Amino acid sequence: MNIMFIVEESNLICICAGEGRKEVINGIEKALPYLDDSDMEELSYRVIEKLWNMIDEEFEQLEFVAIE
């Protein structure tokens, strides 16, 4: 599977970086109740969905770098 992440999605993953794919998902899910921005909520749910649709080995092959 070839899942692509846009810059904003990659940045969110970097912010919630963890030991692996499931830890990143958990980090984003923990932040959801504190988001007051509908765009950030949408972005978060989109990233969570993409992460659930990949396997750990695919995630481990990706390199995430925060970009301003």
PDB file of N, CA and C in Angstrom:
ATOM      1  N   MET A   1       0.851  -1.180   0.000  1.00  0.00           N
ATOM      2  CA  MET A   1       0.000   0.000   0.000  1.00  0.00           C
ATOM      3  C   MET A   1       0.894   1.238   0.000  1.00  0.00           C
ATOM      4  N   ASN A   2       0.500   2.242  -0.758  1.00  0.00           N
ATOM      5  CA  ASN A   2       1.303   3.443  -0.881  1.00  0.00           C
ATOM      6  C   ASN A   2       0.494   4.636  -0.373  1.00  0.00           C
ATOM      7  N   ILE A   3       0.569   4.891   0.914  1.00  0.00           N
ATOM      8  CA  ILE A   3      -0.178   5.989   1.520  1.00  0.00           C
ATOM      9  C   ILE A   3       0.715   7.219   1.559  1.00  0.00           C
ATOM     10  N   MET A   4       0.184   8.324   1.074  1.00  0.00           N
ATOM     11  CA  MET A   4       0.924   9.580   1.027  1.00  0.00           C
ATOM     12  C   MET A   4       0.397  10.527   2.106  1.00  0.00           C
ATOM     13  N   PHE A   5       1.305  11.297   2.678  1.00  0.00           N
ATOM     14  CA  PHE A   5       0.946  12.295   3.675  1.00  0.00           C
ATOM     15  C   PHE A   5       1.316  13.674   3.157  1.00  0.00           C
ATOM     16  N   ILE A   6       0.386  14.628   3.279  1.00  0.00           N
ATOM     17  CA  ILE A   6       0.697  16.000   2.901  1.00  0.00           C
ATOM     18  C   ILE A   6       1.503  16.634   4.035  1.00  0.00           C
ATOM     19  N   VAL A   7       2.043  17.814   3.793  1.00  0.00           N
ATOM     20  CA  VAL A   7       2.926  18.483   4.752  1.00  0.00           C
ATOM     21  C   VAL A   7       2.256  18.625   6.119  1.00  0.00           C
ATOM     22  N   GLU A   8       1.023  19.087   6.145  1.00  0.00           N
ATOM     23  CA  GLU A   8       0.324  19.289   7.415  1.00  0.00           C
ATOM     24  C   GLU A   8       0.151  17.975   8.180  1.00  0.00           C
ATOM     25  N   GLU A   9      -0.110  16.912   7.459  1.00  0.00           N
ATOM     26  CA  GLU A   9      -0.263  15.599   8.091  1.00  0.00           C
ATOM     27  C   GLU A   9       1.071  15.123   8.663  1.00  0.00           C
ATOM     28  N   SER A  10       2.139  15.310   7.898  1.00  0.00           N
ATOM     29  CA  SER A  10       3.476  14.929   8.376  1.00  0.00           C
ATOM     30  C   SER A  10       3.854  15.720   9.618  1.00  0.00           C
ATOM     31  N   ASN A  11       3.538  17.003   9.624  1.00  0.00           N
ATOM     32  CA  ASN A  11       3.844  17.832  10.787  1.00  0.00           C
ATOM     33  C   ASN A  11       3.095  17.338  12.019  1.00  0.00           C
ATOM     34  N   LEU A  12       1.845  16.974  11.860  1.00  0.00           N
ATOM     35  CA  LEU A  12       1.074  16.454  12.985  1.00  0.00           C
ATOM     36  C   LEU A  12       1.689  15.160  13.501  1.00  0.00           C
ATOM     37  N   ILE A  13       2.099  14.297  12.607  1.00  0.00           N
ATOM     38  CA  ILE A  13       2.745  13.050  13.009  1.00  0.00           C
ATOM     39  C   ILE A  13       4.027  13.341  13.782  1.00  0.00           C
ATOM     40  N   CYS A  14       4.798  14.328  13.342  1.00  0.00           N
ATOM     41  CA  CYS A  14       6.029  14.703  14.053  1.00  0.00           C
ATOM     42  C   CYS A  14       5.724  15.205  15.459  1.00  0.00           C
ATOM     43  N   ILE A  15       4.667  15.979  15.595  1.00  0.00           N
ATOM     44  CA  ILE A  15       4.296  16.517  16.907  1.00  0.00           C
ATOM     45  C   ILE A  15       3.913  15.384  17.856  1.00  0.00           C
ATOM     46  N   CYS A  16       3.243  14.388  17.340  1.00  0.00           N
ATOM     47  CA  CYS A  16       2.755  13.272  18.167  1.00  0.00           C
ATOM     48  C   CYS A  16       3.659  12.054  18.035  1.00  0.00           C
ATOM     49  N   ALA A  17       4.899  12.283  17.683  1.00  0.00           N
ATOM     50  CA  ALA A  17       5.830  11.178  17.447  1.00  0.00           C
ATOM     51  C   ALA A  17       5.881  10.237  18.648  1.00  0.00           C
ATOM     52  N   GLY A  18       5.943   8.973  18.345  1.00  0.00           N
ATOM     53  CA  GLY A  18       6.025   7.947  19.366  1.00  0.00           C
ATOM     54  C   GLY A  18       6.942   6.845  18.889  1.00  0.00           C
ATOM     55  N   GLU A  19       6.904   5.753  19.588  1.00  0.00           N
ATOM     56  CA  GLU A  19       7.746   4.617  19.233  1.00  0.00           C
ATOM     57  C   GLU A  19       7.297   3.942  17.940  1.00  0.00           C
ATOM     58  N   GLY A  20       6.033   4.109  17.599  1.00  0.00           N
ATOM     59  CA  GLY A  20       5.530   3.450  16.407  1.00  0.00           C
ATOM     60  C   GLY A  20       4.190   4.016  15.986  1.00  0.00           C
ATOM     61  N   ARG A  21       3.625   3.398  14.993  1.00  0.00           N
ATOM     62  CA  ARG A  21       2.373   3.850  14.391  1.00  0.00           C
ATOM     63  C   ARG A  21       1.241   3.945  15.412  1.00  0.00           C
ATOM     64  N   LYS A  22       1.059   2.925  16.233  1.00  0.00           N
ATOM     65  CA  LYS A  22      -0.031   2.924  17.207  1.00  0.00           C
ATOM     66  C   LYS A  22       0.161   3.992  18.280  1.00  0.00           C
ATOM     67  N   GLU A  23       1.394   4.275  18.644  1.00  0.00           N
ATOM     68  CA  GLU A  23       1.659   5.318  19.632  1.00  0.00           C
ATOM     69  C   GLU A  23       1.324   6.697  19.073  1.00  0.00           C
ATOM     70  N   VAL A  24       1.596   6.898  17.780  1.00  0.00           N
ATOM     71  CA  VAL A  24       1.231   8.166  17.141  1.00  0.00           C
ATOM     72  C   VAL A  24      -0.292   8.306  17.109  1.00  0.00           C
ATOM     73  N   ILE A  25      -0.980   7.238  16.753  1.00  0.00           N
ATOM     74  CA  ILE A  25      -2.448   7.260  16.748  1.00  0.00           C
ATOM     75  C   ILE A  25      -2.969   7.613  18.145  1.00  0.00           C
ATOM     76  N   ASN A  26      -2.436   6.966  19.166  1.00  0.00           N
ATOM     77  CA  ASN A  26      -2.868   7.246  20.541  1.00  0.00           C
ATOM     78  C   ASN A  26      -2.605   8.690  20.931  1.00  0.00           C
ATOM     79  N   GLY A  27      -1.450   9.232  20.523  1.00  0.00           N
ATOM     80  CA  GLY A  27      -1.125  10.619  20.835  1.00  0.00           C
ATOM     81  C   GLY A  27      -2.104  11.594  20.194  1.00  0.00           C
ATOM     82  N   ILE A  28      -2.448  11.344  18.951  1.00  0.00           N
ATOM     83  CA  ILE A  28      -3.404  12.217  18.260  1.00  0.00           C
ATOM     84  C   ILE A  28      -4.780  12.092  18.901  1.00  0.00           C
ATOM     85  N   GLU A  29      -5.185  10.862  19.214  1.00  0.00           N
ATOM     86  CA  GLU A  29      -6.494  10.656  19.835  1.00  0.00           C
ATOM     87  C   GLU A  29      -6.593  11.341  21.195  1.00  0.00           C
ATOM     88  N   LYS A  30      -5.510  11.352  21.954  1.00  0.00           N
ATOM     89  CA  LYS A  30      -5.508  12.020  23.261  1.00  0.00           C
ATOM     90  C   LYS A  30      -5.653  13.531  23.120  1.00  0.00           C
ATOM     91  N   ALA A  31      -5.147  14.085  22.024  1.00  0.00           N
ATOM     92  CA  ALA A  31      -5.217  15.532  21.809  1.00  0.00           C
ATOM     93  C   ALA A  31      -6.578  15.992  21.291  1.00  0.00           C
ATOM     94  N   LEU A  32      -7.326  15.101  20.668  1.00  0.00           N
ATOM     95  CA  LEU A  32      -8.606  15.469  20.035  1.00  0.00           C
ATOM     96  C   LEU A  32      -9.569  16.244  20.948  1.00  0.00           C
ATOM     97  N   PRO A  33      -9.764  15.852  22.196  1.00  0.00           N
ATOM     98  CA  PRO A  33     -10.720  16.584  23.033  1.00  0.00           C
ATOM     99  C   PRO A  33     -10.323  18.045  23.299  1.00  0.00           C
ATOM    100  N   TYR A  34      -9.062  18.373  23.081  1.00  0.00           N
ATOM    101  CA  TYR A  34      -8.568  19.714  23.371  1.00  0.00           C
ATOM    102  C   TYR A  34      -8.517  20.619  22.138  1.00  0.00           C
ATOM    103  N   LEU A  35      -8.874  20.087  20.988  1.00  0.00           N
ATOM    104  CA  LEU A  35      -8.837  20.866  19.754  1.00  0.00           C
ATOM    105  C   LEU A  35     -10.097  21.713  19.633  1.00  0.00           C
ATOM    106  N   ASP A  36      -9.901  23.009  19.412  1.00  0.00           N
ATOM    107  CA  ASP A  36     -11.029  23.927  19.235  1.00  0.00           C
ATOM    108  C   ASP A  36     -11.163  24.372  17.788  1.00  0.00           C
ATOM    109  N   ASP A  37     -10.419  23.738  16.909  1.00  0.00           N
ATOM    110  CA  ASP A  37     -10.361  24.139  15.506  1.00  0.00           C
ATOM    111  C   ASP A  37     -10.874  22.981  14.648  1.00  0.00           C
ATOM    112  N   SER A  38     -11.934  23.222  13.898  1.00  0.00           N
ATOM    113  CA  SER A  38     -12.523  22.150  13.087  1.00  0.00           C
ATOM    114  C   SER A  38     -11.566  21.648  12.012  1.00  0.00           C
ATOM    115  N   ASP A  39     -10.719  22.527  11.480  1.00  0.00           N
ATOM    116  CA  ASP A  39      -9.738  22.095  10.479  1.00  0.00           C
ATOM    117  C   ASP A  39      -8.720  21.128  11.086  1.00  0.00           C
ATOM    118  N   MET A  40      -8.290  21.424  12.324  1.00  0.00           N
ATOM    119  CA  MET A  40      -7.342  20.535  12.992  1.00  0.00           C
ATOM    120  C   MET A  40      -7.993  19.202  13.338  1.00  0.00           C
ATOM    121  N   GLU A  41      -9.257  19.243  13.708  1.00  0.00           N
ATOM    122  CA  GLU A  41      -9.976  17.999  13.989  1.00  0.00           C
ATOM    123  C   GLU A  41     -10.052  17.148  12.729  1.00  0.00           C
ATOM    124  N   GLU A  42     -10.411  17.773  11.618  1.00  0.00           N
ATOM    125  CA  GLU A  42     -10.504  17.051  10.343  1.00  0.00           C
ATOM    126  C   GLU A  42      -9.149  16.465   9.960  1.00  0.00           C
ATOM    127  N   LEU A  43      -8.102  17.261  10.094  1.00  0.00           N
ATOM    128  CA  LEU A  43      -6.746  16.802   9.790  1.00  0.00           C
ATOM    129  C   LEU A  43      -6.384  15.615  10.673  1.00  0.00           C
ATOM    130  N   SER A  44      -6.689  15.714  11.948  1.00  0.00           N
ATOM    131  CA  SER A  44      -6.357  14.645  12.893  1.00  0.00           C
ATOM    132  C   SER A  44      -7.064  13.349  12.531  1.00  0.00           C
ATOM    133  N   TYR A  45      -8.346  13.425  12.251  1.00  0.00           N
ATOM    134  CA  TYR A  45      -9.093  12.218  11.877  1.00  0.00           C
ATOM    135  C   TYR A  45      -8.575  11.620  10.565  1.00  0.00           C
ATOM    136  N   ARG A  46      -8.198  12.473   9.632  1.00  0.00           N
ATOM    137  CA  ARG A  46      -7.657  11.996   8.351  1.00  0.00           C
ATOM    138  C   ARG A  46      -6.340  11.253   8.569  1.00  0.00           C
ATOM    139  N   VAL A  47      -5.471  11.807   9.421  1.00  0.00           N
ATOM    140  CA  VAL A  47      -4.189  11.164   9.702  1.00  0.00           C
ATOM    141  C   VAL A  47      -4.408   9.832  10.419  1.00  0.00           C
ATOM    142  N   ILE A  48      -5.308   9.817  11.399  1.00  0.00           N
ATOM    143  CA  ILE A  48      -5.604   8.579  12.117  1.00  0.00           C
ATOM    144  C   ILE A  48      -6.082   7.504  11.143  1.00  0.00           C
ATOM    145  N   GLU A  49      -6.966   7.882  10.239  1.00  0.00           N
ATOM    146  CA  GLU A  49      -7.472   6.909   9.260  1.00  0.00           C
ATOM    147  C   GLU A  49      -6.345   6.362   8.388  1.00  0.00           C
ATOM    148  N   LYS A  50      -5.479   7.245   7.918  1.00  0.00           N
ATOM    149  CA  LYS A  50      -4.361   6.791   7.082  1.00  0.00           C
ATOM    150  C   LYS A  50      -3.433   5.865   7.858  1.00  0.00           C
ATOM    151  N   LEU A  51      -3.176   6.193   9.117  1.00  0.00           N
ATOM    152  CA  LEU A  51      -2.286   5.362   9.923  1.00  0.00           C
ATOM    153  C   LEU A  51      -2.896   3.995  10.194  1.00  0.00           C
ATOM    154  N   TRP A  52      -4.213   3.926  10.418  1.00  0.00           N
ATOM    155  CA  TRP A  52      -4.869   2.637  10.632  1.00  0.00           C
ATOM    156  C   TRP A  52      -4.848   1.793   9.359  1.00  0.00           C
ATOM    157  N   ASN A  53      -4.791   2.442   8.196  1.00  0.00           N
ATOM    158  CA  ASN A  53      -4.824   1.723   6.923  1.00  0.00           C
ATOM    159  C   ASN A  53      -3.450   1.288   6.437  1.00  0.00           C
ATOM    160  N   MET A  54      -2.458   1.411   7.284  1.00  0.00           N
ATOM    161  CA  MET A  54      -1.132   0.929   6.912  1.00  0.00           C
ATOM    162  C   MET A  54      -0.648  -0.047   7.985  1.00  0.00           C
ATOM    163  N   ILE A  55       0.358  -0.804   7.639  1.00  0.00           N
ATOM    164  CA  ILE A  55       0.924  -1.741   8.610  1.00  0.00           C
ATOM    165  C   ILE A  55       2.168  -1.111   9.230  1.00  0.00           C
ATOM    166  N   ASP A  56       2.572  -1.662  10.364  1.00  0.00           N
ATOM    167  CA  ASP A  56       3.724  -1.112  11.091  1.00  0.00           C
ATOM    168  C   ASP A  56       4.975  -1.043  10.223  1.00  0.00           C
ATOM    169  N   GLU A  57       5.194  -2.044   9.404  1.00  0.00           N
ATOM    170  CA  GLU A  57       6.394  -2.071   8.563  1.00  0.00           C
ATOM    171  C   GLU A  57       6.399  -0.907   7.568  1.00  0.00           C
ATOM    172  N   GLU A  58       5.232  -0.562   7.029  1.00  0.00           N
ATOM    173  CA  GLU A  58       5.141   0.580   6.110  1.00  0.00           C
ATOM    174  C   GLU A  58       5.460   1.879   6.855  1.00  0.00           C
ATOM    175  N   PHE A  59       4.909   2.014   8.055  1.00  0.00           N
ATOM    176  CA  PHE A  59       5.138   3.216   8.846  1.00  0.00           C
ATOM    177  C   PHE A  59       6.621   3.367   9.180  1.00  0.00           C
ATOM    178  N   GLU A  60       7.255   2.282   9.542  1.00  0.00           N
ATOM    179  CA  GLU A  60       8.667   2.317   9.919  1.00  0.00           C
ATOM    180  C   GLU A  60       9.577   2.716   8.768  1.00  0.00           C
ATOM    181  N   GLN A  61       9.138   2.517   7.553  1.00  0.00           N
ATOM    182  CA  GLN A  61       9.939   2.879   6.381  1.00  0.00           C
ATOM    183  C   GLN A  61       9.856   4.360   6.049  1.00  0.00           C
ATOM    184  N   LEU A  62       8.868   5.047   6.615  1.00  0.00           N
ATOM    185  CA  LEU A  62       8.670   6.459   6.324  1.00  0.00           C
ATOM    186  C   LEU A  62       9.541   7.329   7.214  1.00  0.00           C
ATOM    187  N   GLU A  63       9.942   8.462   6.675  1.00  0.00           N
ATOM    188  CA  GLU A  63      10.705   9.441   7.454  1.00  0.00           C
ATOM    189  C   GLU A  63       9.887  10.709   7.528  1.00  0.00           C
ATOM    190  N   PHE A  64       9.590  11.140   8.735  1.00  0.00           N
ATOM    191  CA  PHE A  64       8.779  12.331   8.942  1.00  0.00           C
ATOM    192  C   PHE A  64       9.665  13.446   9.476  1.00  0.00           C
ATOM    193  N   VAL A  65       9.612  14.585   8.771  1.00  0.00           N
ATOM    194  CA  VAL A  65      10.379  15.768   9.170  1.00  0.00           C
ATOM    195  C   VAL A  65       9.405  16.939   9.200  1.00  0.00           C
ATOM    196  N   ALA A  66       9.379  17.642  10.320  1.00  0.00           N
ATOM    197  CA  ALA A  66       8.495  18.800  10.438  1.00  0.00           C
ATOM    198  C   ALA A  66       8.983  19.908   9.522  1.00  0.00           C
ATOM    199  N   ILE A  67       8.061  20.499   8.790  1.00  0.00           N
ATOM    200  CA  ILE A  67       8.370  21.581   7.850  1.00  0.00           C
ATOM    201  C   ILE A  67       7.514  22.786   8.202  1.00  0.00           C
ATOM    202  N   GLU A  68       8.139  23.933   8.219  1.00  0.00           N
ATOM    203  CA  GLU A  68       7.407  25.160   8.544  1.00  0.00           C
ATOM    204  C   GLU A  68       6.765  25.746   7.320  1.00  0.00           C
TER     205      GLU A  68
END
